[in-house]
Amino acid sequence: MENLIQTLALAALPVIFAITLHEAAHGYAARHFGDPTAWLAGRISLNPLRHIDLFGTILLPLGILLLSSGGILFGYAKPVPVDFGRLRHPKRDMLWVAAAGPASNLLMAFFWASLLKLAWEMPSNPYTLPLSEMSKIGISINLVLMVLNLLPLPPLDGGRIAVSLLPGRLAWQFARIEPFGFPILILLLFTGVLGQILWPVIGVVQGGIESIFQLY
């Protein structure tokens, strides 16, 4: 029980910021490309409280952490409202708005990797071990969210990127999968298929980050 509480305490900050900054990045990108909807709604913010969803940000990751063993830990925040019709070039700009979320997770993975390197290089003190463990969780959760969201399955970011890249009629037909996207994702998670798809890709990206920061 004590180990579980320690794990939850260390995971809370990386998980919350990985999820909420992902959503904020969508809002920043949408505003840049002409849609102020998220900005007008007060959702372009680094304040996690503006993005936290009780189920997706707290209960879902907690449930996965408690019920799974070595599974894919993920969650979601309140989706940032984006009116794609207000983008200057809706179909083209949709790609960049969608890609902003995974890109933010990659940047955060680099941030946590730099903190992990710092923890390893610092003289040993009461903070080095907690910082090291928190940084490892930060790298892991951000890489999971990045790779997960790049799956070509609407409404994930990868699905929207695919819609942006596909020809008009094919894009419209593919977008019709969106209402079934989340149930498909949950099914893949609890059958273990999701992990088989994601872990090899995550491993490659993590290996690259470890090489860059010499985390051996």
C-alpha atoms as a PDB file:
ATOM      1  CA  MET A   1       0.000   0.000   0.000  1.00  0.00           C
ATOM      2  CA  GLU A   2       2.810   2.383   0.869  1.00  0.00           C
ATOM      3  CA  ASN A   3       4.530   1.651  -2.467  1.00  0.00           C
ATOM      4  CA  LEU A   4       1.277   2.350  -4.307  1.00  0.00           C
ATOM      5  CA  ILE A   5       0.851   5.710  -2.580  1.00  0.00           C
ATOM      6  CA  GLN A   6       4.440   6.629  -3.432  1.00  0.00           C
ATOM      7  CA  THR A   7       3.893   5.659  -7.076  1.00  0.00           C
ATOM      8  CA  LEU A   8       0.694   7.726  -7.274  1.00  0.00           C
ATOM      9  CA  ALA A   9       2.434  10.728  -5.704  1.00  0.00           C
ATOM     10  CA  LEU A  10       5.319  10.518  -8.172  1.00  0.00           C
ATOM     11  CA  ALA A  11       3.051   9.938 -11.173  1.00  0.00           C
ATOM     12  CA  ALA A  12       0.508  12.692 -10.441  1.00  0.00           C
ATOM     13  CA  LEU A  13       2.491  15.665 -11.763  1.00  0.00           C
ATOM     14  CA  PRO A  14       3.862  14.012 -14.944  1.00  0.00           C
ATOM     15  CA  VAL A  15       0.466  12.519 -15.849  1.00  0.00           C
ATOM     16  CA  ILE A  16      -1.545  15.698 -15.271  1.00  0.00           C
ATOM     17  CA  PHE A  17       0.843  17.920 -17.214  1.00  0.00           C
ATOM     18  CA  ALA A  18       1.312  15.381 -20.022  1.00  0.00           C
ATOM     19  CA  ILE A  19      -2.435  15.275 -20.590  1.00  0.00           C
ATOM     20  CA  THR A  20      -3.327  18.934 -20.034  1.00  0.00           C
ATOM     21  CA  LEU A  21      -0.420  20.499 -21.931  1.00  0.00           C
ATOM     22  CA  HIS A  22      -1.280  18.203 -24.829  1.00  0.00           C
ATOM     23  CA  GLU A  23      -4.718  19.828 -24.990  1.00  0.00           C
ATOM     24  CA  ALA A  24      -3.362  23.342 -24.508  1.00  0.00           C
ATOM     25  CA  ALA A  25      -1.034  22.765 -27.477  1.00  0.00           C
ATOM     26  CA  HIS A  26      -4.039  22.036 -29.700  1.00  0.00           C
ATOM     27  CA  GLY A  27      -5.570  25.336 -28.612  1.00  0.00           C
ATOM     28  CA  TYR A  28      -2.382  27.301 -29.291  1.00  0.00           C
ATOM     29  CA  ALA A  29      -2.058  25.760 -32.752  1.00  0.00           C
ATOM     30  CA  ALA A  30      -5.727  26.375 -33.591  1.00  0.00           C
ATOM     31  CA  ARG A  31      -5.414  30.039 -32.639  1.00  0.00           C
ATOM     32  CA  HIS A  32      -2.240  30.356 -34.711  1.00  0.00           C
ATOM     33  CA  PHE A  33      -4.037  29.001 -37.765  1.00  0.00           C
ATOM     34  CA  GLY A  34      -7.075  31.225 -37.370  1.00  0.00           C
ATOM     35  CA  ASP A  35      -9.538  29.590 -34.965  1.00  0.00           C
ATOM     36  CA  PRO A  36      -9.918  31.545 -31.681  1.00  0.00           C
ATOM     37  CA  THR A  37     -12.587  29.201 -30.235  1.00  0.00           C
ATOM     38  CA  ALA A  38     -10.347  27.691 -27.542  1.00  0.00           C
ATOM     39  CA  TRP A  39      -8.877  31.096 -26.705  1.00  0.00           C
ATOM     40  CA  LEU A  40     -12.335  32.663 -26.303  1.00  0.00           C
ATOM     41  CA  ALA A  41     -13.347  29.738 -24.071  1.00  0.00           C
ATOM     42  CA  GLY A  42     -10.311  30.313 -21.817  1.00  0.00           C
ATOM     43  CA  ARG A  43      -8.812  26.951 -22.751  1.00  0.00           C
ATOM     44  CA  ILE A  44      -5.455  28.201 -24.041  1.00  0.00           C
ATOM     45  CA  SER A  45      -3.891  27.948 -20.628  1.00  0.00           C
ATOM     46  CA  LEU A  46      -1.087  26.108 -18.859  1.00  0.00           C
ATOM     47  CA  ASN A  47      -3.325  25.839 -15.784  1.00  0.00           C
ATOM     48  CA  PRO A  48      -4.172  22.113 -15.479  1.00  0.00           C
ATOM     49  CA  LEU A  49      -7.437  22.921 -13.688  1.00  0.00           C
ATOM     50  CA  ARG A  50      -8.834  24.300 -16.957  1.00  0.00           C
ATOM     51  CA  HIS A  51      -8.267  20.980 -18.720  1.00  0.00           C
ATOM     52  CA  ILE A  52      -8.755  18.243 -16.106  1.00  0.00           C
ATOM     53  CA  ASP A  53     -11.549  15.775 -16.767  1.00  0.00           C
ATOM     54  CA  LEU A  54     -12.522  13.827 -13.636  1.00  0.00           C
ATOM     55  CA  PHE A  55     -12.774  10.505 -15.430  1.00  0.00           C
ATOM     56  CA  GLY A  56     -10.174  10.840 -18.181  1.00  0.00           C
ATOM     57  CA  THR A  57      -7.459  12.699 -16.280  1.00  0.00           C
ATOM     58  CA  ILE A  58      -7.807  11.119 -12.842  1.00  0.00           C
ATOM     59  CA  LEU A  59     -10.024   8.013 -12.602  1.00  0.00           C
ATOM     60  CA  LEU A  60      -9.011   6.314 -15.867  1.00  0.00           C
ATOM     61  CA  PRO A  61      -5.210   6.522 -15.341  1.00  0.00           C
ATOM     62  CA  LEU A  62      -5.701   5.554 -11.678  1.00  0.00           C
ATOM     63  CA  GLY A  63      -7.846   2.578 -12.651  1.00  0.00           C
ATOM     64  CA  ILE A  64      -5.346   1.379 -15.250  1.00  0.00           C
ATOM     65  CA  LEU A  65      -2.524   1.785 -12.738  1.00  0.00           C
ATOM     66  CA  LEU A  66      -4.410  -0.247 -10.118  1.00  0.00           C
ATOM     67  CA  LEU A  67      -5.900  -2.941 -12.355  1.00  0.00           C
ATOM     68  CA  SER A  68      -3.242  -3.578 -14.975  1.00  0.00           C
ATOM     69  CA  SER A  69       0.246  -4.964 -14.708  1.00  0.00           C
ATOM     70  CA  GLY A  70       2.694  -3.376 -17.112  1.00  0.00           C
ATOM     71  CA  GLY A  71      -0.122  -2.131 -19.333  1.00  0.00           C
ATOM     72  CA  ILE A  72      -0.418   1.067 -21.300  1.00  0.00           C
ATOM     73  CA  LEU A  73      -1.035   3.926 -18.870  1.00  0.00           C
ATOM     74  CA  PHE A  74      -2.973   6.725 -20.550  1.00  0.00           C
ATOM     75  CA  GLY A  75      -5.784   9.189 -20.029  1.00  0.00           C
ATOM     76  CA  TYR A  76      -7.291  12.287 -21.545  1.00  0.00           C
ATOM     77  CA  ALA A  77      -8.323  15.823 -20.646  1.00  0.00           C
ATOM     78  CA  LYS A  78     -11.368  17.834 -21.655  1.00  0.00           C
ATOM     79  CA  PRO A  79     -10.970  18.186 -25.419  1.00  0.00           C
ATOM     80  CA  VAL A  80     -10.060  21.703 -26.452  1.00  0.00           C
ATOM     81  CA  PRO A  81     -12.863  23.099 -28.658  1.00  0.00           C
ATOM     82  CA  VAL A  82     -11.646  23.553 -32.222  1.00  0.00           C
ATOM     83  CA  ASP A  83     -13.863  24.820 -35.046  1.00  0.00           C
ATOM     84  CA  PHE A  84     -12.001  23.480 -38.060  1.00  0.00           C
ATOM     85  CA  GLY A  85     -14.221  25.552 -40.341  1.00  0.00           C
ATOM     86  CA  ARG A  86     -12.651  28.729 -38.902  1.00  0.00           C
ATOM     87  CA  LEU A  87      -9.096  27.681 -39.757  1.00  0.00           C
ATOM     88  CA  ARG A  88      -7.655  29.617 -42.671  1.00  0.00           C
ATOM     89  CA  HIS A  89      -7.167  26.413 -44.667  1.00  0.00           C
ATOM     90  CA  PRO A  90      -9.352  23.891 -42.790  1.00  0.00           C
ATOM     91  CA  LYS A  91      -8.248  20.601 -44.323  1.00  0.00           C
ATOM     92  CA  ARG A  92      -4.560  21.485 -44.471  1.00  0.00           C
ATOM     93  CA  ASP A  93      -4.356  23.258 -41.110  1.00  0.00           C
ATOM     94  CA  MET A  94      -6.187  20.394 -39.377  1.00  0.00           C
ATOM     95  CA  LEU A  95      -2.943  18.414 -39.683  1.00  0.00           C
ATOM     96  CA  TRP A  96      -0.904  20.982 -37.748  1.00  0.00           C
ATOM     97  CA  VAL A  97      -3.547  21.469 -35.056  1.00  0.00           C
ATOM     98  CA  ALA A  98      -3.752  17.702 -34.540  1.00  0.00           C
ATOM     99  CA  ALA A  99       0.025  17.235 -34.584  1.00  0.00           C
ATOM    100  CA  ALA A 100       0.560  19.938 -31.944  1.00  0.00           C
ATOM    101  CA  GLY A 101      -0.581  17.623 -29.129  1.00  0.00           C
ATOM    102  CA  PRO A 102       1.830  14.740 -29.825  1.00  0.00           C
ATOM    103  CA  ALA A 103       4.595  17.280 -30.503  1.00  0.00           C
ATOM    104  CA  SER A 104       4.068  18.763 -27.034  1.00  0.00           C
ATOM    105  CA  ASN A 105       4.408  15.280 -25.522  1.00  0.00           C
ATOM    106  CA  LEU A 106       7.686  14.739 -27.347  1.00  0.00           C
ATOM    107  CA  LEU A 107       9.011  18.040 -25.995  1.00  0.00           C
ATOM    108  CA  MET A 108       7.901  17.083 -22.485  1.00  0.00           C
ATOM    109  CA  ALA A 109       9.639  13.717 -22.827  1.00  0.00           C
ATOM    110  CA  PHE A 110      12.834  15.620 -23.628  1.00  0.00           C
ATOM    111  CA  PHE A 111      12.230  17.861 -20.599  1.00  0.00           C
ATOM    112  CA  TRP A 112      11.844  14.891 -18.243  1.00  0.00           C
ATOM    113  CA  ALA A 113      14.884  13.209 -19.818  1.00  0.00           C
ATOM    114  CA  SER A 114      16.939  16.304 -19.035  1.00  0.00           C
ATOM    115  CA  LEU A 115      15.706  16.203 -15.422  1.00  0.00           C
ATOM    116  CA  LEU A 116      16.567  12.502 -15.203  1.00  0.00           C
ATOM    117  CA  LYS A 117      20.069  13.242 -16.449  1.00  0.00           C
ATOM    118  CA  LEU A 118      20.342  16.044 -13.887  1.00  0.00           C
ATOM    119  CA  ALA A 119      19.211  13.712 -11.081  1.00  0.00           C
ATOM    120  CA  TRP A 120      21.848  11.185 -12.082  1.00  0.00           C
ATOM    121  CA  GLU A 121      24.588  13.812 -12.233  1.00  0.00           C
ATOM    122  CA  MET A 122      23.732  15.535  -8.935  1.00  0.00           C
ATOM    123  CA  PRO A 123      25.413  14.536  -5.684  1.00  0.00           C
ATOM    124  CA  SER A 124      23.161  12.068  -3.878  1.00  0.00           C
ATOM    125  CA  ASN A 125      20.611  13.750  -1.601  1.00  0.00           C
ATOM    126  CA  PRO A 126      17.024  13.083  -0.423  1.00  0.00           C
ATOM    127  CA  TYR A 127      15.608  14.525  -3.656  1.00  0.00           C
ATOM    128  CA  THR A 128      17.639  12.717  -6.308  1.00  0.00           C
ATOM    129  CA  LEU A 129      15.799   9.390  -6.127  1.00  0.00           C
ATOM    130  CA  PRO A 130      12.242  10.874  -6.186  1.00  0.00           C
ATOM    131  CA  LEU A 131      13.272  13.209  -9.032  1.00  0.00           C
ATOM    132  CA  SER A 132      14.762  10.290 -10.927  1.00  0.00           C
ATOM    133  CA  GLU A 133      11.651   8.121 -10.529  1.00  0.00           C
ATOM    134  CA  MET A 134       9.288  11.002 -11.395  1.00  0.00           C
ATOM    135  CA  SER A 135      11.352  11.770 -14.500  1.00  0.00           C
ATOM    136  CA  LYS A 136      11.179   8.143 -15.651  1.00  0.00           C
ATOM    137  CA  ILE A 137       7.386   8.255 -15.315  1.00  0.00           C
ATOM    138  CA  GLY A 138       7.341  11.591 -17.162  1.00  0.00           C
ATOM    139  CA  ILE A 139       9.287  10.148 -20.087  1.00  0.00           C
ATOM    140  CA  SER A 140       7.106   7.048 -20.202  1.00  0.00           C
ATOM    141  CA  ILE A 141       3.684   8.722 -20.016  1.00  0.00           C
ATOM    142  CA  ASN A 142       4.578  11.341 -22.610  1.00  0.00           C
ATOM    143  CA  LEU A 143       5.895   8.773 -25.071  1.00  0.00           C
ATOM    144  CA  VAL A 144       2.799   6.622 -24.547  1.00  0.00           C
ATOM    145  CA  LEU A 145       0.501   9.606 -25.177  1.00  0.00           C
ATOM    146  CA  MET A 146       2.503  10.706 -28.210  1.00  0.00           C
ATOM    147  CA  VAL A 147       2.538   7.315 -29.919  1.00  0.00           C
ATOM    148  CA  LEU A 148      -1.028   6.475 -28.850  1.00  0.00           C
ATOM    149  CA  ASN A 149      -2.403   9.717 -30.244  1.00  0.00           C
ATOM    150  CA  LEU A 150      -0.599   9.192 -33.539  1.00  0.00           C
ATOM    151  CA  LEU A 151      -2.581   6.015 -34.214  1.00  0.00           C
ATOM    152  CA  PRO A 152      -4.635   6.614 -37.385  1.00  0.00           C
ATOM    153  CA  LEU A 153      -7.953   6.211 -35.582  1.00  0.00           C
ATOM    154  CA  PRO A 154     -10.448   9.078 -35.308  1.00  0.00           C
ATOM    155  CA  PRO A 155     -10.876  10.953 -32.975  1.00  0.00           C
ATOM    156  CA  LEU A 156      -7.209  10.494 -32.046  1.00  0.00           C
ATOM    157  CA  ASP A 157      -4.791  13.049 -33.461  1.00  0.00           C
ATOM    158  CA  GLY A 158      -3.420  10.486 -35.901  1.00  0.00           C
ATOM    159  CA  GLY A 159      -6.927   9.998 -37.238  1.00  0.00           C
ATOM    160  CA  ARG A 160      -7.319  13.735 -37.844  1.00  0.00           C
ATOM    161  CA  ILE A 161      -3.904  13.830 -39.502  1.00  0.00           C
ATOM    162  CA  ALA A 162      -5.039  10.993 -41.771  1.00  0.00           C
ATOM    163  CA  VAL A 163      -8.259  12.875 -42.605  1.00  0.00           C
ATOM    164  CA  SER A 164      -6.158  15.925 -43.490  1.00  0.00           C
ATOM    165  CA  LEU A 165      -3.918  13.907 -45.804  1.00  0.00           C
ATOM    166  CA  LEU A 166      -6.535  11.729 -47.513  1.00  0.00           C
ATOM    167  CA  PRO A 167      -8.378  12.894 -50.663  1.00  0.00           C
ATOM    168  CA  GLY A 168     -11.736  14.578 -50.011  1.00  0.00           C
ATOM    169  CA  ARG A 169     -14.248  11.726 -50.427  1.00  0.00           C
ATOM    170  CA  LEU A 170     -11.992   9.137 -48.819  1.00  0.00           C
ATOM    171  CA  ALA A 171     -11.288  11.544 -45.938  1.00  0.00           C
ATOM    172  CA  TRP A 172     -15.028  12.010 -45.366  1.00  0.00           C
ATOM    173  CA  GLN A 173     -15.630   8.250 -45.320  1.00  0.00           C
ATOM    174  CA  PHE A 174     -12.712   7.665 -42.957  1.00  0.00           C
ATOM    175  CA  ALA A 175     -13.918  10.412 -40.582  1.00  0.00           C
ATOM    176  CA  ARG A 176     -17.207   8.508 -40.137  1.00  0.00           C
ATOM    177  CA  ILE A 177     -15.326   6.008 -37.943  1.00  0.00           C
ATOM    178  CA  GLU A 178     -14.994   8.671 -35.212  1.00  0.00           C
ATOM    179  CA  PRO A 179     -18.041   7.678 -33.063  1.00  0.00           C
ATOM    180  CA  PHE A 180     -16.571   4.177 -32.754  1.00  0.00           C
ATOM    181  CA  GLY A 181     -12.967   5.254 -32.142  1.00  0.00           C
ATOM    182  CA  PHE A 182     -12.952   5.271 -28.349  1.00  0.00           C
ATOM    183  CA  PRO A 183     -14.750   1.911 -27.917  1.00  0.00           C
ATOM    184  CA  ILE A 184     -12.277   0.390 -30.395  1.00  0.00           C
ATOM    185  CA  LEU A 185      -9.399   1.851 -28.369  1.00  0.00           C
ATOM    186  CA  ILE A 186     -10.703   0.434 -25.070  1.00  0.00           C
ATOM    187  CA  LEU A 187     -11.194  -2.970 -26.719  1.00  0.00           C
ATOM    188  CA  LEU A 188      -7.628  -2.924 -28.025  1.00  0.00           C
ATOM    189  CA  LEU A 189      -6.368  -1.932 -24.564  1.00  0.00           C
ATOM    190  CA  PHE A 190      -8.025  -4.711 -22.595  1.00  0.00           C
ATOM    191  CA  THR A 191      -7.282  -7.406 -25.196  1.00  0.00           C
ATOM    192  CA  GLY A 192      -3.582  -6.530 -25.101  1.00  0.00           C
ATOM    193  CA  VAL A 193      -3.467  -5.644 -28.797  1.00  0.00           C
ATOM    194  CA  LEU A 194      -2.844  -1.977 -28.071  1.00  0.00           C
ATOM    195  CA  GLY A 195       0.318  -2.763 -26.141  1.00  0.00           C
ATOM    196  CA  GLN A 196       1.582  -5.025 -28.936  1.00  0.00           C
ATOM    197  CA  ILE A 197       1.155  -2.145 -31.375  1.00  0.00           C
ATOM    198  CA  LEU A 198       2.544   0.661 -29.228  1.00  0.00           C
ATOM    199  CA  TRP A 199       5.410  -0.789 -27.183  1.00  0.00           C
ATOM    200  CA  PRO A 200       7.781  -1.488 -30.108  1.00  0.00           C
ATOM    201  CA  VAL A 201       7.376   2.085 -31.387  1.00  0.00           C
ATOM    202  CA  ILE A 202       7.685   3.542 -27.889  1.00  0.00           C
ATOM    203  CA  GLY A 203      10.835   1.497 -27.367  1.00  0.00           C
ATOM    204  CA  VAL A 204      12.451   2.894 -30.492  1.00  0.00           C
ATOM    205  CA  VAL A 205      11.667   6.512 -29.566  1.00  0.00           C
ATOM    206  CA  GLN A 206      12.736   6.002 -25.961  1.00  0.00           C
ATOM    207  CA  GLY A 207      15.973   4.429 -27.143  1.00  0.00           C
ATOM    208  CA  GLY A 208      16.639   7.527 -29.237  1.00  0.00           C
ATOM    209  CA  ILE A 209      16.034   9.835 -26.272  1.00  0.00           C
ATOM    210  CA  GLU A 210      18.257   7.720 -24.040  1.00  0.00           C
ATOM    211  CA  SER A 211      20.972   7.926 -26.664  1.00  0.00           C
ATOM    212  CA  ILE A 212      20.683  11.710 -26.969  1.00  0.00           C
ATOM    213  CA  PHE A 213      20.894  12.249 -23.205  1.00  0.00           C
ATOM    214  CA  GLN A 214      23.252   9.301 -22.621  1.00  0.00           C
ATOM    215  CA  LEU A 215      20.900   7.722 -20.116  1.00  0.00           C
ATOM    216  CA  TYR A 216      22.735   4.422 -19.765  1.00  0.00           C
END
